Amino acid sequence: TSAFLHTPLKELAVVKPPPELCRTNKTRAIARKAIPGLRRSSADWQDHFFEPFTGEGGFERSLIEPCAMKNEPRGLKAVTHGDDTLATGSRDNLRWLQGFVPEHFECTMGPIISRHPDDAKTGKFLKDEVGVNERGWYHETNPHYAKKLIEMFNLDGKDTKPVYTPAVKQREEEENAAVPVDQTQYPSFRSGGGLGLY
């Protein structure tokens, strides 16, 4: 991410520049900003990113999950992955956040998503679709992954049978199933389901 390039490094880092920028093979440079590939870059970016939030913004970072933060007085909760942030709260406080973030970062703000007629019904977070409809909130991962899982476990064949989950207390016999699911196949289906949920 180019977000690193806005982050001052807290420790001295001597790096070997790309060959096209070097006169000799012995050329070295001092990195003043975080760059991908440096071990400190992510940690320094996180500290740099959260500074305005925990200072002027009134947010408090989680002690358990350093990418999560909350602002109790405003009722806002947010989680950050790299330079992408997803926040929840009231419309007024989310509007405040939409004004606060661009004051401190060069960024693009996504829409407020809610059932309110003036708000968007869908948006993207980490390339996944997040939205709300008449049935409630949903998170839809890239359909490409689901297709790969279905193919990997051969779940698209004509002989594919449903498998009951442990949450089902009473097994019902399938109306159209002439052959019951082979019990030795349960681990494969569970693995595919687990990967799909992950």
C-alpha atoms as a PDB file:
ATOM      1  CA  THR A   1       0.000   0.000   0.000  1.00  0.00           C
ATOM      2  CA  SER A   2       1.169   3.518  -0.691  1.00  0.00           C
ATOM      3  CA  ALA A   3      -0.067   4.504   2.784  1.00  0.00           C
ATOM      4  CA  PHE A   4       3.323   3.452   4.153  1.00  0.00           C
ATOM      5  CA  LEU A   5       4.986   6.219   2.159  1.00  0.00           C
ATOM      6  CA  HIS A   6       3.278   8.830   4.358  1.00  0.00           C
ATOM      7  CA  THR A   7       4.711   7.326   7.541  1.00  0.00           C
ATOM      8  CA  PRO A   8       7.909   8.598   9.172  1.00  0.00           C
ATOM      9  CA  LEU A   9      10.113   5.746  10.395  1.00  0.00           C
ATOM     10  CA  LYS A  10      10.848   5.687  14.113  1.00  0.00           C
ATOM     11  CA  GLU A  11      14.166   3.858  13.664  1.00  0.00           C
ATOM     12  CA  LEU A  12      17.032   4.307  11.226  1.00  0.00           C
ATOM     13  CA  ALA A  13      16.730   1.992   8.216  1.00  0.00           C
ATOM     14  CA  VAL A  14      19.545   1.566   5.698  1.00  0.00           C
ATOM     15  CA  VAL A  15      18.285   0.090   2.435  1.00  0.00           C
ATOM     16  CA  LYS A  16      19.699  -0.986  -0.906  1.00  0.00           C
ATOM     17  CA  PRO A  17      17.979   1.060  -3.640  1.00  0.00           C
ATOM     18  CA  PRO A  18      16.737  -0.543  -6.877  1.00  0.00           C
ATOM     19  CA  PRO A  19      19.588  -1.155  -9.385  1.00  0.00           C
ATOM     20  CA  GLU A  20      18.312   1.496 -11.812  1.00  0.00           C
ATOM     21  CA  LEU A  21      18.863   4.147  -9.108  1.00  0.00           C
ATOM     22  CA  CYS A  22      22.411   3.035  -8.176  1.00  0.00           C
ATOM     23  CA  ARG A  23      25.698   4.016  -9.714  1.00  0.00           C
ATOM     24  CA  THR A  24      27.446   1.112  -8.026  1.00  0.00           C
ATOM     25  CA  ASN A  25      26.398  -2.078  -6.296  1.00  0.00           C
ATOM     26  CA  LYS A  26      27.632  -0.618  -2.975  1.00  0.00           C
ATOM     27  CA  THR A  27      25.151   2.275  -2.942  1.00  0.00           C
ATOM     28  CA  ARG A  28      22.943   2.417   0.153  1.00  0.00           C
ATOM     29  CA  ALA A  29      20.263   4.886   1.234  1.00  0.00           C
ATOM     30  CA  ILE A  30      18.634   5.914   4.482  1.00  0.00           C
ATOM     31  CA  ALA A  31      14.865   5.413   4.398  1.00  0.00           C
ATOM     32  CA  ARG A  32      13.008   8.298   6.023  1.00  0.00           C
ATOM     33  CA  LYS A  33       9.550   6.937   5.361  1.00  0.00           C
ATOM     34  CA  ALA A  34       8.120   3.455   5.808  1.00  0.00           C
ATOM     35  CA  ILE A  35       8.233   1.272   2.715  1.00  0.00           C
ATOM     36  CA  PRO A  36       6.834  -2.195   2.030  1.00  0.00           C
ATOM     37  CA  GLY A  37       9.369  -4.840   2.964  1.00  0.00           C
ATOM     38  CA  LEU A  38      10.678  -3.188   6.122  1.00  0.00           C
ATOM     39  CA  ARG A  39       9.665  -5.004   9.297  1.00  0.00           C
ATOM     40  CA  ARG A  40       8.878  -1.759  11.099  1.00  0.00           C
ATOM     41  CA  SER A  41       6.673  -0.338   8.342  1.00  0.00           C
ATOM     42  CA  SER A  42       3.362  -1.851   9.470  1.00  0.00           C
ATOM     43  CA  ALA A  43       3.816  -0.990  13.135  1.00  0.00           C
ATOM     44  CA  ASP A  44       4.969   2.560  12.351  1.00  0.00           C
ATOM     45  CA  TRP A  45       2.035   3.004   9.936  1.00  0.00           C
ATOM     46  CA  GLN A  46      -0.439   1.851  12.584  1.00  0.00           C
ATOM     47  CA  ASP A  47       1.000   4.276  15.150  1.00  0.00           C
ATOM     48  CA  HIS A  48       0.979   7.105  12.604  1.00  0.00           C
ATOM     49  CA  PHE A  49      -2.541   6.264  11.452  1.00  0.00           C
ATOM     50  CA  PHE A  50      -4.071   6.041  14.934  1.00  0.00           C
ATOM     51  CA  GLU A  51      -2.384   9.199  16.287  1.00  0.00           C
ATOM     52  CA  PRO A  52      -5.112  11.647  15.174  1.00  0.00           C
ATOM     53  CA  PHE A  53      -7.854   9.227  16.189  1.00  0.00           C
ATOM     54  CA  THR A  54      -6.543   8.697  19.730  1.00  0.00           C
ATOM     55  CA  GLY A  55      -5.623  12.354  20.129  1.00  0.00           C
ATOM     56  CA  GLU A  56      -8.026  14.898  18.693  1.00  0.00           C
ATOM     57  CA  GLY A  57     -10.596  12.266  17.671  1.00  0.00           C
ATOM     58  CA  GLY A  58     -11.169  10.929  21.195  1.00  0.00           C
ATOM     59  CA  PHE A  59     -10.825   7.275  20.204  1.00  0.00           C
ATOM     60  CA  GLU A  60      -9.351   4.574  22.407  1.00  0.00           C
ATOM     61  CA  ARG A  61      -7.455   1.642  20.887  1.00  0.00           C
ATOM     62  CA  SER A  62      -8.270  -1.871  21.996  1.00  0.00           C
ATOM     63  CA  LEU A  63      -5.643  -3.514  24.200  1.00  0.00           C
ATOM     64  CA  ILE A  64      -6.525  -6.930  22.761  1.00  0.00           C
ATOM     65  CA  GLU A  65      -6.882  -6.054  19.057  1.00  0.00           C
ATOM     66  CA  PRO A  66      -4.688  -3.052  18.157  1.00  0.00           C
ATOM     67  CA  CYS A  67      -6.552  -2.520  14.862  1.00  0.00           C
ATOM     68  CA  ALA A  68      -9.851  -1.879  16.683  1.00  0.00           C
ATOM     69  CA  MET A  69     -10.849   1.379  18.350  1.00  0.00           C
ATOM     70  CA  LYS A  70     -13.874   3.023  19.904  1.00  0.00           C
ATOM     71  CA  ASN A  71     -15.093   6.485  20.769  1.00  0.00           C
ATOM     72  CA  GLU A  72     -17.472   5.960  23.706  1.00  0.00           C
ATOM     73  CA  PRO A  73     -18.920   9.516  23.841  1.00  0.00           C
ATOM     74  CA  ARG A  74     -19.856   9.377  20.142  1.00  0.00           C
ATOM     75  CA  GLY A  75     -20.827   5.691  20.166  1.00  0.00           C
ATOM     76  CA  LEU A  76     -18.434   4.882  17.314  1.00  0.00           C
ATOM     77  CA  LYS A  77     -16.569   1.609  16.856  1.00  0.00           C
ATOM     78  CA  ALA A  78     -14.082   1.029  14.071  1.00  0.00           C
ATOM     79  CA  VAL A  79     -11.695  -1.615  12.796  1.00  0.00           C
ATOM     80  CA  THR A  80      -8.777  -0.910  10.482  1.00  0.00           C
ATOM     81  CA  HIS A  81      -6.925  -3.173   8.084  1.00  0.00           C
ATOM     82  CA  GLY A  82      -3.898  -1.390   6.623  1.00  0.00           C
ATOM     83  CA  ASP A  83      -5.401   1.895   5.485  1.00  0.00           C
ATOM     84  CA  ASP A  84      -9.004   0.668   5.158  1.00  0.00           C
ATOM     85  CA  THR A  85     -11.361   1.412   8.041  1.00  0.00           C
ATOM     86  CA  LEU A  86     -14.898   0.198   8.698  1.00  0.00           C
ATOM     87  CA  ALA A  87     -16.900   2.070  11.353  1.00  0.00           C
ATOM     88  CA  THR A  88     -20.310   1.682  13.005  1.00  0.00           C
ATOM     89  CA  GLY A  89     -22.360   4.278  14.822  1.00  0.00           C
ATOM     90  CA  SER A  90     -25.222   6.729  14.436  1.00  0.00           C
ATOM     91  CA  ARG A  91     -25.647   8.609  11.154  1.00  0.00           C
ATOM     92  CA  ASP A  92     -24.692  11.938  12.737  1.00  0.00           C
ATOM     93  CA  ASN A  93     -21.515  10.552  14.262  1.00  0.00           C
ATOM     94  CA  LEU A  94     -20.550   8.722  11.069  1.00  0.00           C
ATOM     95  CA  ARG A  95     -20.966  12.039   9.229  1.00  0.00           C
ATOM     96  CA  TRP A  96     -18.668  13.629  11.814  1.00  0.00           C
ATOM     97  CA  LEU A  97     -16.126  10.854  11.109  1.00  0.00           C
ATOM     98  CA  GLN A  98     -16.456  11.440   7.350  1.00  0.00           C
ATOM     99  CA  GLY A  99     -15.391  15.042   7.979  1.00  0.00           C
ATOM    100  CA  PHE A 100     -12.693  14.213  10.550  1.00  0.00           C
ATOM    101  CA  VAL A 101     -10.700  11.643   8.555  1.00  0.00           C
ATOM    102  CA  PRO A 102      -9.998  13.812   5.442  1.00  0.00           C
ATOM    103  CA  GLU A 103      -8.705  16.582   7.725  1.00  0.00           C
ATOM    104  CA  HIS A 104      -5.848  14.257   8.701  1.00  0.00           C
ATOM    105  CA  PHE A 105      -5.360  11.946   5.710  1.00  0.00           C
ATOM    106  CA  GLU A 106      -5.451  12.136   1.955  1.00  0.00           C
ATOM    107  CA  CYS A 107      -8.179   9.570   1.358  1.00  0.00           C
ATOM    108  CA  THR A 108     -11.392   8.512  -0.300  1.00  0.00           C
ATOM    109  CA  MET A 109     -14.384   8.006   1.970  1.00  0.00           C
ATOM    110  CA  GLY A 110     -16.936   5.306   1.287  1.00  0.00           C
ATOM    111  CA  PRO A 111     -20.651   5.865   1.767  1.00  0.00           C
ATOM    112  CA  ILE A 112     -22.685   5.546   4.937  1.00  0.00           C
ATOM    113  CA  ILE A 113     -24.629   2.305   4.547  1.00  0.00           C
ATOM    114  CA  SER A 114     -27.990   1.958   6.289  1.00  0.00           C
ATOM    115  CA  ARG A 115     -31.703   1.439   5.727  1.00  0.00           C
ATOM    116  CA  HIS A 116     -32.232   5.212   5.813  1.00  0.00           C
ATOM    117  CA  PRO A 117     -33.575   6.387   2.421  1.00  0.00           C
ATOM    118  CA  ASP A 118     -30.732   8.921   1.990  1.00  0.00           C
ATOM    119  CA  ASP A 119     -27.946   6.367   2.602  1.00  0.00           C
ATOM    120  CA  ALA A 120     -26.329   3.797   0.328  1.00  0.00           C
ATOM    121  CA  LYS A 121     -27.465   0.186   0.587  1.00  0.00           C
ATOM    122  CA  THR A 122     -24.097  -1.368  -0.358  1.00  0.00           C
ATOM    123  CA  GLY A 123     -20.407  -0.534  -0.177  1.00  0.00           C
ATOM    124  CA  LYS A 124     -16.989  -2.180  -0.358  1.00  0.00           C
ATOM    125  CA  PHE A 125     -14.555  -3.043   2.427  1.00  0.00           C
ATOM    126  CA  LEU A 126     -11.346  -4.899   1.499  1.00  0.00           C
ATOM    127  CA  LYS A 127     -12.873  -5.681  -1.924  1.00  0.00           C
ATOM    128  CA  ASP A 128     -15.821  -7.453  -0.278  1.00  0.00           C
ATOM    129  CA  GLU A 129     -19.373  -6.171  -0.501  1.00  0.00           C
ATOM    130  CA  VAL A 130     -21.053  -5.050   2.708  1.00  0.00           C
ATOM    131  CA  GLY A 131     -24.708  -4.097   2.605  1.00  0.00           C
ATOM    132  CA  VAL A 132     -28.145  -4.029   4.082  1.00  0.00           C
ATOM    133  CA  ASN A 133     -31.439  -5.200   2.607  1.00  0.00           C
ATOM    134  CA  GLU A 134     -34.926  -6.054   3.864  1.00  0.00           C
ATOM    135  CA  ARG A 135     -33.562  -9.196   5.595  1.00  0.00           C
ATOM    136  CA  GLY A 136     -30.730  -7.394   7.424  1.00  0.00           C
ATOM    137  CA  TRP A 137     -26.983  -6.905   7.092  1.00  0.00           C
ATOM    138  CA  TYR A 138     -24.792  -9.072   4.891  1.00  0.00           C
ATOM    139  CA  HIS A 139     -21.150  -9.491   3.976  1.00  0.00           C
ATOM    140  CA  GLU A 140     -20.415 -11.065   0.632  1.00  0.00           C
ATOM    141  CA  THR A 141     -16.905 -12.209  -0.158  1.00  0.00           C
ATOM    142  CA  ASN A 142     -15.552 -12.388  -3.645  1.00  0.00           C
ATOM    143  CA  PRO A 143     -17.696 -15.004  -5.469  1.00  0.00           C
ATOM    144  CA  HIS A 144     -14.508 -16.261  -7.133  1.00  0.00           C
ATOM    145  CA  TYR A 145     -13.507 -17.947  -3.824  1.00  0.00           C
ATOM    146  CA  ALA A 146     -16.848 -19.722  -3.423  1.00  0.00           C
ATOM    147  CA  LYS A 147     -16.612 -21.088  -6.979  1.00  0.00           C
ATOM    148  CA  LYS A 148     -13.094 -22.410  -6.289  1.00  0.00           C
ATOM    149  CA  LEU A 149     -14.279 -24.180  -3.118  1.00  0.00           C
ATOM    150  CA  ILE A 150     -17.231 -25.768  -4.917  1.00  0.00           C
ATOM    151  CA  GLU A 151     -14.936 -27.053  -7.673  1.00  0.00           C
ATOM    152  CA  MET A 152     -12.217 -28.182  -5.239  1.00  0.00           C
ATOM    153  CA  PHE A 153     -14.611 -30.399  -3.276  1.00  0.00           C
ATOM    154  CA  ASN A 154     -16.602 -31.507  -6.346  1.00  0.00           C
ATOM    155  CA  LEU A 155     -19.793 -30.037  -4.898  1.00  0.00           C
ATOM    156  CA  ASP A 156     -21.221 -29.061  -8.273  1.00  0.00           C
ATOM    157  CA  GLY A 157     -21.827 -32.595  -9.567  1.00  0.00           C
ATOM    158  CA  LYS A 158     -25.231 -34.177 -10.172  1.00  0.00           C
ATOM    159  CA  ASP A 159     -24.606 -36.675  -7.341  1.00  0.00           C
ATOM    160  CA  THR A 160     -23.995 -33.957  -4.741  1.00  0.00           C
ATOM    161  CA  LYS A 161     -26.125 -34.467  -1.631  1.00  0.00           C
ATOM    162  CA  PRO A 162     -26.722 -32.048   1.236  1.00  0.00           C
ATOM    163  CA  VAL A 163     -25.000 -32.733   4.543  1.00  0.00           C
ATOM    164  CA  TYR A 164     -26.682 -31.922   7.820  1.00  0.00           C
ATOM    165  CA  THR A 165     -24.725 -29.744  10.204  1.00  0.00           C
ATOM    166  CA  PRO A 166     -24.272 -30.505  13.908  1.00  0.00           C
ATOM    167  CA  ALA A 167     -26.704 -27.661  14.651  1.00  0.00           C
ATOM    168  CA  VAL A 168     -29.594 -29.678  13.189  1.00  0.00           C
ATOM    169  CA  LYS A 169     -31.079 -31.655  16.106  1.00  0.00           C
ATOM    170  CA  GLN A 170     -33.211 -34.035  14.105  1.00  0.00           C
ATOM    171  CA  ARG A 171     -32.133 -35.408  10.746  1.00  0.00           C
ATOM    172  CA  GLU A 172     -34.809 -35.411   8.130  1.00  0.00           C
ATOM    173  CA  GLU A 173     -34.699 -37.900   5.328  1.00  0.00           C
ATOM    174  CA  GLU A 174     -34.384 -36.306   1.934  1.00  0.00           C
ATOM    175  CA  GLU A 175     -37.400 -36.764  -0.262  1.00  0.00           C
ATOM    176  CA  ASN A 176     -35.444 -37.295  -3.483  1.00  0.00           C
ATOM    177  CA  ALA A 177     -32.382 -39.106  -2.133  1.00  0.00           C
ATOM    178  CA  ALA A 178     -32.223 -42.707  -3.247  1.00  0.00           C
ATOM    179  CA  VAL A 179     -28.736 -43.160  -1.766  1.00  0.00           C
ATOM    180  CA  PRO A 180     -27.837 -41.599   1.606  1.00  0.00           C
ATOM    181  CA  VAL A 181     -24.670 -39.546   1.934  1.00  0.00           C
ATOM    182  CA  ASP A 182     -21.661 -41.762   2.616  1.00  0.00           C
ATOM    183  CA  GLN A 183     -20.622 -41.056   6.231  1.00  0.00           C
ATOM    184  CA  THR A 184     -16.928 -41.196   5.261  1.00  0.00           C
ATOM    185  CA  GLN A 185     -17.516 -38.076   3.149  1.00  0.00           C
ATOM    186  CA  TYR A 186     -18.486 -35.901   6.134  1.00  0.00           C
ATOM    187  CA  PRO A 187     -14.911 -34.685   6.817  1.00  0.00           C
ATOM    188  CA  SER A 188     -14.511 -33.440   3.221  1.00  0.00           C
ATOM    189  CA  PHE A 189     -17.797 -31.567   3.299  1.00  0.00           C
ATOM    190  CA  ARG A 190     -16.978 -30.113   6.726  1.00  0.00           C
ATOM    191  CA  SER A 191     -13.581 -28.943   5.467  1.00  0.00           C
ATOM    192  CA  GLY A 192     -15.196 -27.264   2.460  1.00  0.00           C
ATOM    193  CA  GLY A 193     -17.816 -25.635   4.649  1.00  0.00           C
ATOM    194  CA  GLY A 194     -15.192 -24.479   7.121  1.00  0.00           C
ATOM    195  CA  LEU A 195     -13.096 -22.938   4.360  1.00  0.00           C
ATOM    196  CA  GLY A 196     -16.189 -21.241   2.960  1.00  0.00           C
ATOM    197  CA  LEU A 197     -17.045 -19.727   6.326  1.00  0.00           C
ATOM    198  CA  TYR A 198     -13.482 -18.588   6.894  1.00  0.00           C
END
